[in-house]
Amino acid sequence: MTLPSTTPSPLPTPVSRPHATSNGRLAELDALRGIAAFIVVLHHAYLTLPDLPDALDWLLTETPLRPISMGRQAVVFFFVLSGFVLTRALAAQEDKHPGSVLSLPGWGHYAAQRAVRLGLPVLASLLLSALLQAAFWRAPLPEGAPHIVVGAAWSEMWSLSALAQQALLLSSGDGFQLNPVLWSLVHEWRIALLLPFALLFRGRLALLLAVSLIGAGIARMAGMPEGQVSLGENLGETFAASAGFLPAFAAGAALALWKAAPRLDHGQNLAAGIAVLVMMAAASDYGVIAASVLLIMMAQRGGAFAAWLRQPALLWLGRVSFSLYLVHMPVLLALTHLLRDADLPYLVAALAIPLSLPVAAAMNRFVEQPAHRLARGLRAPAPAGRLARRAG
């Protein structure tokens, strides 16, 4: 996607503009997505470690590095960014071809594309985990092992029915035994299907945000307060949990539809950066949502921050971010079980982080990119006018 150029900076040095890649995506936002995915990898490696030195534990729990110990901030950022990117693309498509989104056939086409884009990589990650478990799993880990590797995943050998249930994103609780990160894809899939309706709130963005807060209320009444909503213990509760994340997606959608969104000047950009550091260290989802909106605005502004995001390593990380998110847990689980008798958790974590990167690159090349091509190749429904002419 291509965003409009920013206003000139008052500084004497020229401000770089947001850079669109060859496929139209904004490179800076891809880089932010890659950083968030890498934080999730670090988070899960952190969860497998025994007690850390007090100084390091303080650094990871009480400073802006807190997302590494919590992980949730990165996932909330994913949701805000998805709301922004998808809504912006849907709005542009609807403006160019009225009815191509806000119609039943248009919505169905969009839903089919999302199903292919998400479903094939999800299935591939589950098959990878199933193969690795078949190769390295002997029995459940001892009870004293961290929950992420003893309760949330690989607690028993997989079955075809369990694999199918997880592939359809119908599990709850600790049901995503082959790949625990899929809990977030449950919400991503469901709420993404609602995003076309955000276009109905153009010019009424406050109402869009207010409606999304009803979802947060539903989650709260279901016993899942803000900051703690994850998946729910049964299928019904998972829908209440999904509702709890509506404000994150709605914030991104509102930013995409905000025609008068301000372009940050140098002082505002600096203030926004400080606010992001503070709010990303918060436990509140709403603080993280606000920080995520500011990050997106900062990335669009250009300047030093956007230039830093365009480093080749970060751009590469952005390209493989979804695949990295999907494959790092199977890699971590395989290493944990492979080295279970050695009792070397720090070695497992140190190996899992770099080994996840080439696996993600392979997943991106052989699964994610073909899934995108397949989704783009799905035939869009003919506009009503064309059907009328044919009928005539």
Protein backbone atom coordinates (compact mmCIF):
# COMPACT_ATOMS: atom_id res chain seq x y z
CA MET A 1 0.00 0.00 0.00
CA THR A 2 1.14 3.50 -0.73
CA LEU A 3 0.56 6.25 1.78
CA PRO A 4 0.53 9.97 0.94
CA SER A 5 3.77 11.85 1.42
CA THR A 6 4.36 13.64 4.68
CA THR A 7 4.64 17.39 5.17
CA PRO A 8 8.14 18.85 5.06
CA SER A 9 10.11 18.82 8.30
CA PRO A 10 11.12 22.12 9.85
CA LEU A 11 14.59 20.66 10.31
CA PRO A 12 17.28 21.56 7.77
CA THR A 13 17.79 17.94 6.76
CA PRO A 14 15.18 16.51 4.39
CA VAL A 15 12.62 14.09 5.78
CA SER A 16 12.47 10.70 4.09
CA ARG A 17 9.07 9.63 2.92
CA PRO A 18 7.28 6.37 3.75
CA HIS A 19 8.66 3.76 1.39
CA ALA A 20 6.34 1.39 -0.45
CA THR A 21 7.67 -1.97 -1.56
CA SER A 22 7.11 -3.39 -5.02
CA ASN A 23 3.91 -5.12 -3.92
CA GLY A 24 2.47 -1.90 -2.52
CA ARG A 25 3.03 -2.63 1.16
CA LEU A 26 4.44 0.02 3.43
CA ALA A 27 7.93 -1.17 4.31
CA GLU A 28 8.07 0.61 7.66
CA LEU A 29 4.93 -1.14 8.90
CA ASP A 30 6.27 -4.49 7.76
CA ALA A 31 9.41 -3.81 9.78
CA LEU A 32 7.35 -2.99 12.87
CA ARG A 33 5.45 -6.23 12.40
CA GLY A 34 8.75 -8.10 12.18
CA ILE A 35 10.02 -6.54 15.40
CA ALA A 36 6.78 -7.49 17.17
CA ALA A 37 7.05 -11.09 15.92
CA PHE A 38 10.64 -11.30 17.14
CA ILE A 39 9.56 -10.00 20.55
CA VAL A 40 7.07 -12.88 20.74
CA VAL A 41 9.90 -15.31 19.97
CA LEU A 42 11.99 -13.79 22.77
CA HIS A 43 8.98 -13.92 25.09
CA HIS A 44 8.42 -17.63 24.64
CA ALA A 45 12.13 -18.33 25.04
CA TYR A 46 12.01 -16.27 28.25
CA LEU A 47 9.11 -18.37 29.57
CA THR A 48 11.20 -21.53 29.37
CA LEU A 49 14.04 -20.18 31.54
CA PRO A 50 14.46 -20.79 35.27
CA ASP A 51 14.79 -17.92 37.73
CA LEU A 52 16.77 -15.06 36.25
CA PRO A 53 19.17 -12.77 38.13
CA ASP A 54 17.26 -10.07 39.98
CA ALA A 55 18.75 -7.26 37.88
CA LEU A 56 17.80 -8.94 34.60
CA ASP A 57 14.36 -9.84 35.88
CA TRP A 58 13.78 -6.20 36.87
CA LEU A 59 14.95 -5.04 33.44
CA LEU A 60 12.47 -7.33 31.68
CA THR A 61 9.49 -6.62 33.92
CA GLU A 62 9.73 -2.97 34.99
CA THR A 63 11.19 -1.13 31.98
CA PRO A 64 10.15 -0.61 28.33
CA LEU A 65 11.61 -4.10 27.72
CA ARG A 66 8.55 -5.49 29.49
CA PRO A 67 6.99 -6.82 26.25
CA ILE A 68 9.69 -9.52 26.29
CA SER A 69 8.47 -10.84 29.63
CA MET A 70 4.75 -10.35 28.91
CA GLY A 71 4.44 -10.88 25.15
CA ARG A 72 0.89 -9.56 25.12
CA GLN A 73 1.89 -6.07 23.98
CA ALA A 74 3.25 -7.48 20.71
CA VAL A 75 0.03 -9.38 20.03
CA VAL A 76 -2.14 -6.32 20.74
CA PHE A 77 0.08 -4.37 18.33
CA PHE A 78 -0.53 -7.07 15.69
CA PHE A 79 -4.27 -6.56 16.12
CA VAL A 80 -4.08 -2.76 15.81
CA LEU A 81 -1.85 -3.03 12.76
CA SER A 82 -4.15 -5.59 11.13
CA GLY A 83 -7.11 -3.28 11.69
CA PHE A 84 -5.21 -0.43 10.05
CA VAL A 85 -3.78 -2.30 7.06
CA LEU A 86 -6.88 -4.33 6.21
CA THR A 87 -9.31 -1.44 6.62
CA ARG A 88 -7.16 0.87 4.52
CA ALA A 89 -7.00 -1.71 1.73
CA LEU A 90 -10.74 -2.39 1.94
CA ALA A 91 -11.57 1.33 1.84
CA ALA A 92 -9.38 1.85 -1.22
CA GLN A 93 -10.99 -1.11 -2.97
CA GLU A 94 -14.52 0.05 -2.16
CA ASP A 95 -13.74 3.57 -3.38
CA LYS A 96 -12.40 2.24 -6.66
CA HIS A 97 -15.13 -0.37 -7.20
CA PRO A 98 -18.27 0.44 -5.18
CA GLY A 99 -19.94 -2.71 -3.93
CA SER A 100 -16.80 -4.82 -4.21
CA VAL A 101 -16.56 -4.88 -0.40
CA LEU A 102 -19.90 -3.67 0.97
CA SER A 103 -21.99 -6.38 -0.67
CA LEU A 104 -22.63 -10.01 0.16
CA PRO A 105 -20.59 -11.33 -2.83
CA GLY A 106 -17.80 -8.85 -2.10
CA TRP A 107 -17.67 -9.84 1.55
CA GLY A 108 -17.66 -13.51 0.58
CA HIS A 109 -14.74 -12.98 -1.76
CA TYR A 110 -12.82 -11.13 0.95
CA ALA A 111 -13.58 -13.90 3.47
CA ALA A 112 -12.36 -16.56 1.05
CA GLN A 113 -9.12 -14.68 0.47
CA ARG A 114 -8.54 -14.31 4.23
CA ALA A 115 -9.27 -18.01 4.74
CA VAL A 116 -6.59 -18.98 2.21
CA ARG A 117 -4.03 -16.45 3.45
CA LEU A 118 -4.41 -17.53 7.08
CA GLY A 119 -5.52 -21.13 6.74
CA LEU A 120 -2.73 -22.59 4.63
CA PRO A 121 0.15 -21.25 6.79
CA VAL A 122 -1.73 -22.30 9.95
CA LEU A 123 -2.14 -25.83 8.58
CA ALA A 124 1.51 -25.95 7.56
CA SER A 125 2.64 -24.90 11.03
CA LEU A 126 0.51 -27.62 12.59
CA LEU A 127 1.89 -30.27 10.24
CA LEU A 128 5.43 -29.11 11.03
CA SER A 129 4.73 -29.38 14.76
CA ALA A 130 3.10 -32.79 14.30
CA LEU A 131 6.16 -34.10 12.44
CA LEU A 132 8.54 -32.70 15.04
CA GLN A 133 6.51 -34.17 17.89
CA ALA A 134 6.45 -37.56 16.20
CA ALA A 135 10.25 -37.36 15.85
CA PHE A 136 11.24 -36.03 19.29
CA TRP A 137 8.42 -36.59 21.79
CA ARG A 138 8.75 -39.55 24.18
CA ALA A 139 6.46 -38.55 27.03
CA PRO A 140 5.17 -35.42 28.72
CA LEU A 141 7.81 -33.30 30.40
CA PRO A 142 8.03 -33.38 34.22
CA GLU A 143 5.48 -31.31 36.10
CA GLY A 144 8.12 -28.81 37.16
CA ALA A 145 8.76 -27.72 33.58
CA PRO A 146 7.40 -24.33 32.43
CA HIS A 147 3.71 -24.34 31.50
CA ILE A 148 4.42 -23.18 27.95
CA VAL A 149 6.17 -26.49 27.20
CA VAL A 150 4.46 -28.87 29.62
CA GLY A 151 0.82 -27.79 29.82
CA ALA A 152 0.13 -25.56 26.86
CA ALA A 153 1.81 -27.77 24.25
CA TRP A 154 2.76 -31.37 23.50
CA SER A 155 1.26 -32.76 26.71
CA GLU A 156 0.19 -35.83 24.74
CA MET A 157 0.71 -37.21 21.25
CA TRP A 158 -1.47 -35.55 18.65
CA SER A 159 -4.36 -37.20 16.85
CA LEU A 160 -5.92 -36.50 13.48
CA SER A 161 -9.10 -35.20 15.08
CA ALA A 162 -7.13 -32.84 17.35
CA LEU A 163 -5.08 -31.62 14.41
CA ALA A 164 -8.23 -30.93 12.37
CA GLN A 165 -9.85 -29.06 15.26
CA GLN A 166 -6.78 -26.86 15.67
CA ALA A 167 -6.48 -26.28 11.92
CA LEU A 168 -10.08 -24.99 11.90
CA LEU A 169 -9.22 -22.69 14.86
CA LEU A 170 -11.93 -24.29 17.00
CA SER A 171 -9.86 -25.13 20.08
CA SER A 172 -10.10 -23.39 23.43
CA GLY A 173 -8.09 -23.19 26.64
CA ASP A 174 -4.86 -25.13 26.16
CA GLY A 175 -6.37 -26.91 23.17
CA PHE A 176 -3.80 -25.64 20.67
CA GLN A 177 -1.38 -28.30 21.82
CA LEU A 178 0.55 -28.40 18.55
CA ASN A 179 1.04 -24.64 18.34
CA PRO A 180 -0.12 -22.50 21.29
CA VAL A 181 0.30 -19.20 19.40
CA LEU A 182 -2.77 -20.01 17.31
CA TRP A 183 -4.99 -18.60 20.06
CA SER A 184 -4.40 -15.15 18.57
CA LEU A 185 -5.29 -16.34 15.06
CA VAL A 186 -8.73 -17.31 16.37
CA HIS A 187 -9.40 -13.63 17.09
CA GLU A 188 -7.57 -12.38 13.99
CA TRP A 189 -9.75 -14.54 11.74
CA ARG A 190 -13.06 -13.69 13.36
CA ILE A 191 -12.59 -9.96 13.73
CA ALA A 192 -11.03 -9.58 10.28
CA LEU A 193 -14.35 -10.81 8.89
CA LEU A 194 -16.05 -7.84 10.56
CA LEU A 195 -13.66 -5.17 9.27
CA PRO A 196 -15.56 -4.49 6.01
CA PHE A 197 -18.40 -3.18 8.17
CA ALA A 198 -16.03 -0.59 9.62
CA LEU A 199 -16.43 1.24 6.31
CA LEU A 200 -20.00 2.02 7.34
CA PHE A 201 -18.59 4.25 10.10
CA ARG A 202 -16.73 6.69 7.86
CA GLY A 203 -17.21 10.13 9.34
CA ARG A 204 -18.44 8.53 12.58
CA LEU A 205 -15.24 7.13 13.99
CA ALA A 206 -16.14 7.92 17.59
CA LEU A 207 -19.19 5.69 17.17
CA LEU A 208 -16.99 2.91 15.74
CA LEU A 209 -14.76 3.05 18.81
CA ALA A 210 -17.76 3.19 21.14
CA VAL A 211 -19.30 0.11 19.51
CA SER A 212 -16.01 -1.76 19.86
CA LEU A 213 -15.98 -1.02 23.59
CA ILE A 214 -19.21 -2.99 23.89
CA GLY A 215 -17.05 -5.98 23.00
CA ALA A 216 -14.74 -5.20 25.89
CA GLY A 217 -17.79 -5.10 28.15
CA ILE A 218 -18.94 -8.50 26.89
CA ALA A 219 -15.53 -9.99 27.67
CA ARG A 220 -15.57 -8.41 31.13
CA MET A 221 -19.02 -9.80 31.93
CA ALA A 222 -17.80 -13.23 30.78
CA GLY A 223 -15.10 -13.06 33.44
CA MET A 224 -12.21 -12.01 31.21
CA PRO A 225 -11.13 -8.50 32.24
CA GLU A 226 -9.11 -6.13 30.09
CA GLY A 227 -5.45 -7.11 30.02
CA GLN A 228 -6.23 -10.77 30.72
CA VAL A 229 -8.42 -11.86 27.82
CA SER A 230 -6.77 -14.65 25.84
CA LEU A 231 -8.93 -17.50 24.58
CA GLY A 232 -11.51 -18.82 27.07
CA GLU A 233 -12.01 -22.30 28.45
CA ASN A 234 -14.71 -23.43 26.00
CA LEU A 235 -15.84 -22.55 22.50
CA GLY A 236 -18.53 -20.16 23.72
CA GLU A 237 -16.05 -18.25 25.86
CA THR A 238 -13.71 -17.88 22.91
CA PHE A 239 -16.29 -15.63 21.22
CA ALA A 240 -16.44 -13.45 24.33
CA ALA A 241 -12.65 -13.36 24.29
CA SER A 242 -12.69 -12.29 20.64
CA ALA A 243 -15.07 -9.47 21.53
CA GLY A 244 -12.54 -8.30 24.10
CA PHE A 245 -10.05 -7.53 21.33
CA LEU A 246 -12.47 -5.49 19.23
CA PRO A 247 -11.08 -2.15 20.54
CA ALA A 248 -7.60 -3.00 19.21
CA PHE A 249 -8.83 -3.72 15.69
CA ALA A 250 -11.23 -0.77 15.81
CA ALA A 251 -8.43 1.62 16.77
CA GLY A 252 -6.44 0.55 13.72
CA ALA A 253 -9.52 0.78 11.50
CA ALA A 254 -10.35 4.26 12.82
CA LEU A 255 -6.82 5.44 12.08
CA ALA A 256 -7.10 4.10 8.53
CA LEU A 257 -10.40 5.93 7.99
CA TRP A 258 -9.35 9.17 9.72
CA LYS A 259 -9.06 11.60 6.84
CA ALA A 260 -7.79 14.43 9.05
CA ALA A 261 -5.15 12.36 10.87
CA PRO A 262 -2.36 14.78 11.88
CA ARG A 263 1.16 14.50 10.49
CA LEU A 264 3.52 14.66 13.45
CA ASP A 265 6.10 17.44 13.45
CA HIS A 266 9.52 16.93 15.03
CA GLY A 267 8.44 17.83 18.57
CA GLN A 268 5.26 15.77 18.39
CA ASN A 269 7.20 12.82 17.03
CA LEU A 270 9.62 12.99 19.97
CA ALA A 271 6.74 13.22 22.44
CA ALA A 272 5.01 10.28 20.75
CA GLY A 273 8.18 8.19 21.01
CA ILE A 274 8.43 8.85 24.74
CA ALA A 275 4.75 8.00 25.16
CA VAL A 276 5.23 4.73 23.27
CA LEU A 277 8.09 3.67 25.55
CA VAL A 278 6.01 4.36 28.63
CA MET A 279 2.77 2.78 27.40
CA MET A 280 4.45 -0.32 25.98
CA ALA A 281 5.70 -1.01 29.51
CA ALA A 282 2.12 -0.86 30.81
CA ALA A 283 -0.07 -3.83 31.60
CA SER A 284 -3.17 -2.10 30.20
CA ASP A 285 -4.34 -3.12 26.75
CA TYR A 286 -5.64 0.40 26.20
CA GLY A 287 -2.22 1.88 26.82
CA VAL A 288 -0.74 -0.57 24.33
CA ILE A 289 -3.46 0.24 21.79
CA ALA A 290 -2.67 3.94 22.09
CA ALA A 291 1.06 3.23 21.77
CA SER A 292 0.41 1.09 18.69
CA VAL A 293 -1.53 3.90 17.01
CA LEU A 294 1.32 6.31 17.75
CA LEU A 295 3.88 3.86 16.35
CA ILE A 296 1.96 3.58 13.09
CA MET A 297 1.75 7.37 12.85
CA MET A 298 5.46 7.72 13.58
CA ALA A 299 6.33 5.17 10.90
CA GLN A 300 4.27 7.09 8.34
CA ARG A 301 5.91 10.40 9.18
CA GLY A 302 9.28 9.54 7.70
CA GLY A 303 12.47 10.88 9.24
CA ALA A 304 15.08 9.06 11.30
CA PHE A 305 12.69 6.50 12.79
CA ALA A 306 11.30 5.47 9.41
CA ALA A 307 14.82 5.36 7.96
CA TRP A 308 15.90 3.07 10.79
CA LEU A 309 12.93 0.78 10.08
CA ARG A 310 14.09 0.44 6.47
CA GLN A 311 17.27 -1.39 7.45
CA PRO A 312 17.58 -4.56 5.32
CA ALA A 313 17.55 -6.86 8.37
CA LEU A 314 14.30 -5.36 9.67
CA LEU A 315 12.68 -5.41 6.24
CA TRP A 316 13.57 -9.09 5.91
CA LEU A 317 12.22 -9.75 9.39
CA GLY A 318 9.01 -8.03 8.36
CA ARG A 319 8.64 -10.20 5.26
CA VAL A 320 8.88 -13.42 7.27
CA SER A 321 7.10 -12.12 10.39
CA PHE A 322 3.89 -14.15 10.03
CA SER A 323 5.81 -17.31 9.29
CA LEU A 324 8.18 -16.62 12.20
CA TYR A 325 5.20 -16.20 14.49
CA LEU A 326 3.84 -19.58 13.37
CA VAL A 327 6.99 -21.72 13.41
CA HIS A 328 8.99 -20.60 16.42
CA MET A 329 6.98 -22.59 18.98
CA PRO A 330 7.33 -25.93 17.14
CA VAL A 331 11.08 -25.27 16.93
CA LEU A 332 11.26 -24.41 20.64
CA LEU A 333 9.21 -27.47 21.59
CA ALA A 334 11.35 -29.78 19.46
CA LEU A 335 14.56 -28.53 21.05
CA THR A 336 13.07 -28.75 24.55
CA HIS A 337 12.17 -32.42 24.08
CA LEU A 338 15.33 -33.27 22.15
CA LEU A 339 17.52 -31.92 24.97
CA ARG A 340 15.22 -32.82 27.86
CA ASP A 341 17.75 -35.10 29.57
CA ALA A 342 20.53 -32.51 29.38
CA ASP A 343 18.61 -29.99 31.51
CA LEU A 344 20.03 -27.02 29.62
CA PRO A 345 17.16 -24.52 29.31
CA TYR A 346 19.45 -21.62 28.46
CA LEU A 347 20.95 -23.62 25.58
CA VAL A 348 17.48 -24.51 24.32
CA ALA A 349 16.45 -20.85 24.33
CA ALA A 350 19.73 -19.76 22.73
CA LEU A 351 19.28 -22.29 19.91
CA ALA A 352 15.56 -21.81 19.37
CA ILE A 353 15.82 -18.10 18.60
CA PRO A 354 18.28 -18.26 15.66
CA LEU A 355 17.01 -21.62 14.34
CA SER A 356 13.49 -20.22 14.02
CA LEU A 357 14.67 -17.68 11.45
CA PRO A 358 15.66 -20.05 8.59
CA VAL A 359 12.58 -22.18 9.28
CA ALA A 360 10.46 -19.03 8.99
CA ALA A 361 12.19 -18.12 5.73
CA ALA A 362 11.37 -21.54 4.31
CA MET A 363 7.77 -21.31 5.49
CA ASN A 364 7.44 -17.88 3.92
CA ARG A 365 8.83 -19.01 0.58
CA PHE A 366 7.10 -22.36 0.23
CA VAL A 367 3.80 -21.80 2.04
CA GLU A 368 3.00 -18.17 2.84
CA GLN A 369 3.88 -16.63 -0.53
CA PRO A 370 2.05 -19.35 -2.54
CA ALA A 371 -0.96 -18.87 -0.23
CA HIS A 372 -0.97 -15.17 -1.04
CA ARG A 373 -0.77 -15.88 -4.77
CA LEU A 374 -3.59 -18.38 -4.50
CA ALA A 375 -5.73 -15.89 -2.57
CA ARG A 376 -5.10 -13.17 -5.14
CA GLY A 377 -6.07 -15.60 -7.89
CA LEU A 378 -9.54 -16.21 -6.47
CA ARG A 379 -12.02 -14.77 -8.93
CA ALA A 380 -13.80 -11.69 -7.64
CA PRO A 381 -17.58 -11.52 -8.08
CA ALA A 382 -18.74 -9.52 -11.08
CA PRO A 383 -20.23 -6.09 -10.28
CA ALA A 384 -24.02 -5.96 -10.28
CA GLY A 385 -24.03 -3.75 -13.37
CA ARG A 386 -22.02 -6.25 -15.35
CA LEU A 387 -24.38 -9.04 -14.32
CA ALA A 388 -27.32 -6.92 -15.39
CA ARG A 389 -25.78 -6.27 -18.79
CA ARG A 390 -25.10 -9.97 -19.25
CA ALA A 391 -28.63 -10.80 -18.22
CA GLY A 392 -29.90 -8.30 -20.80
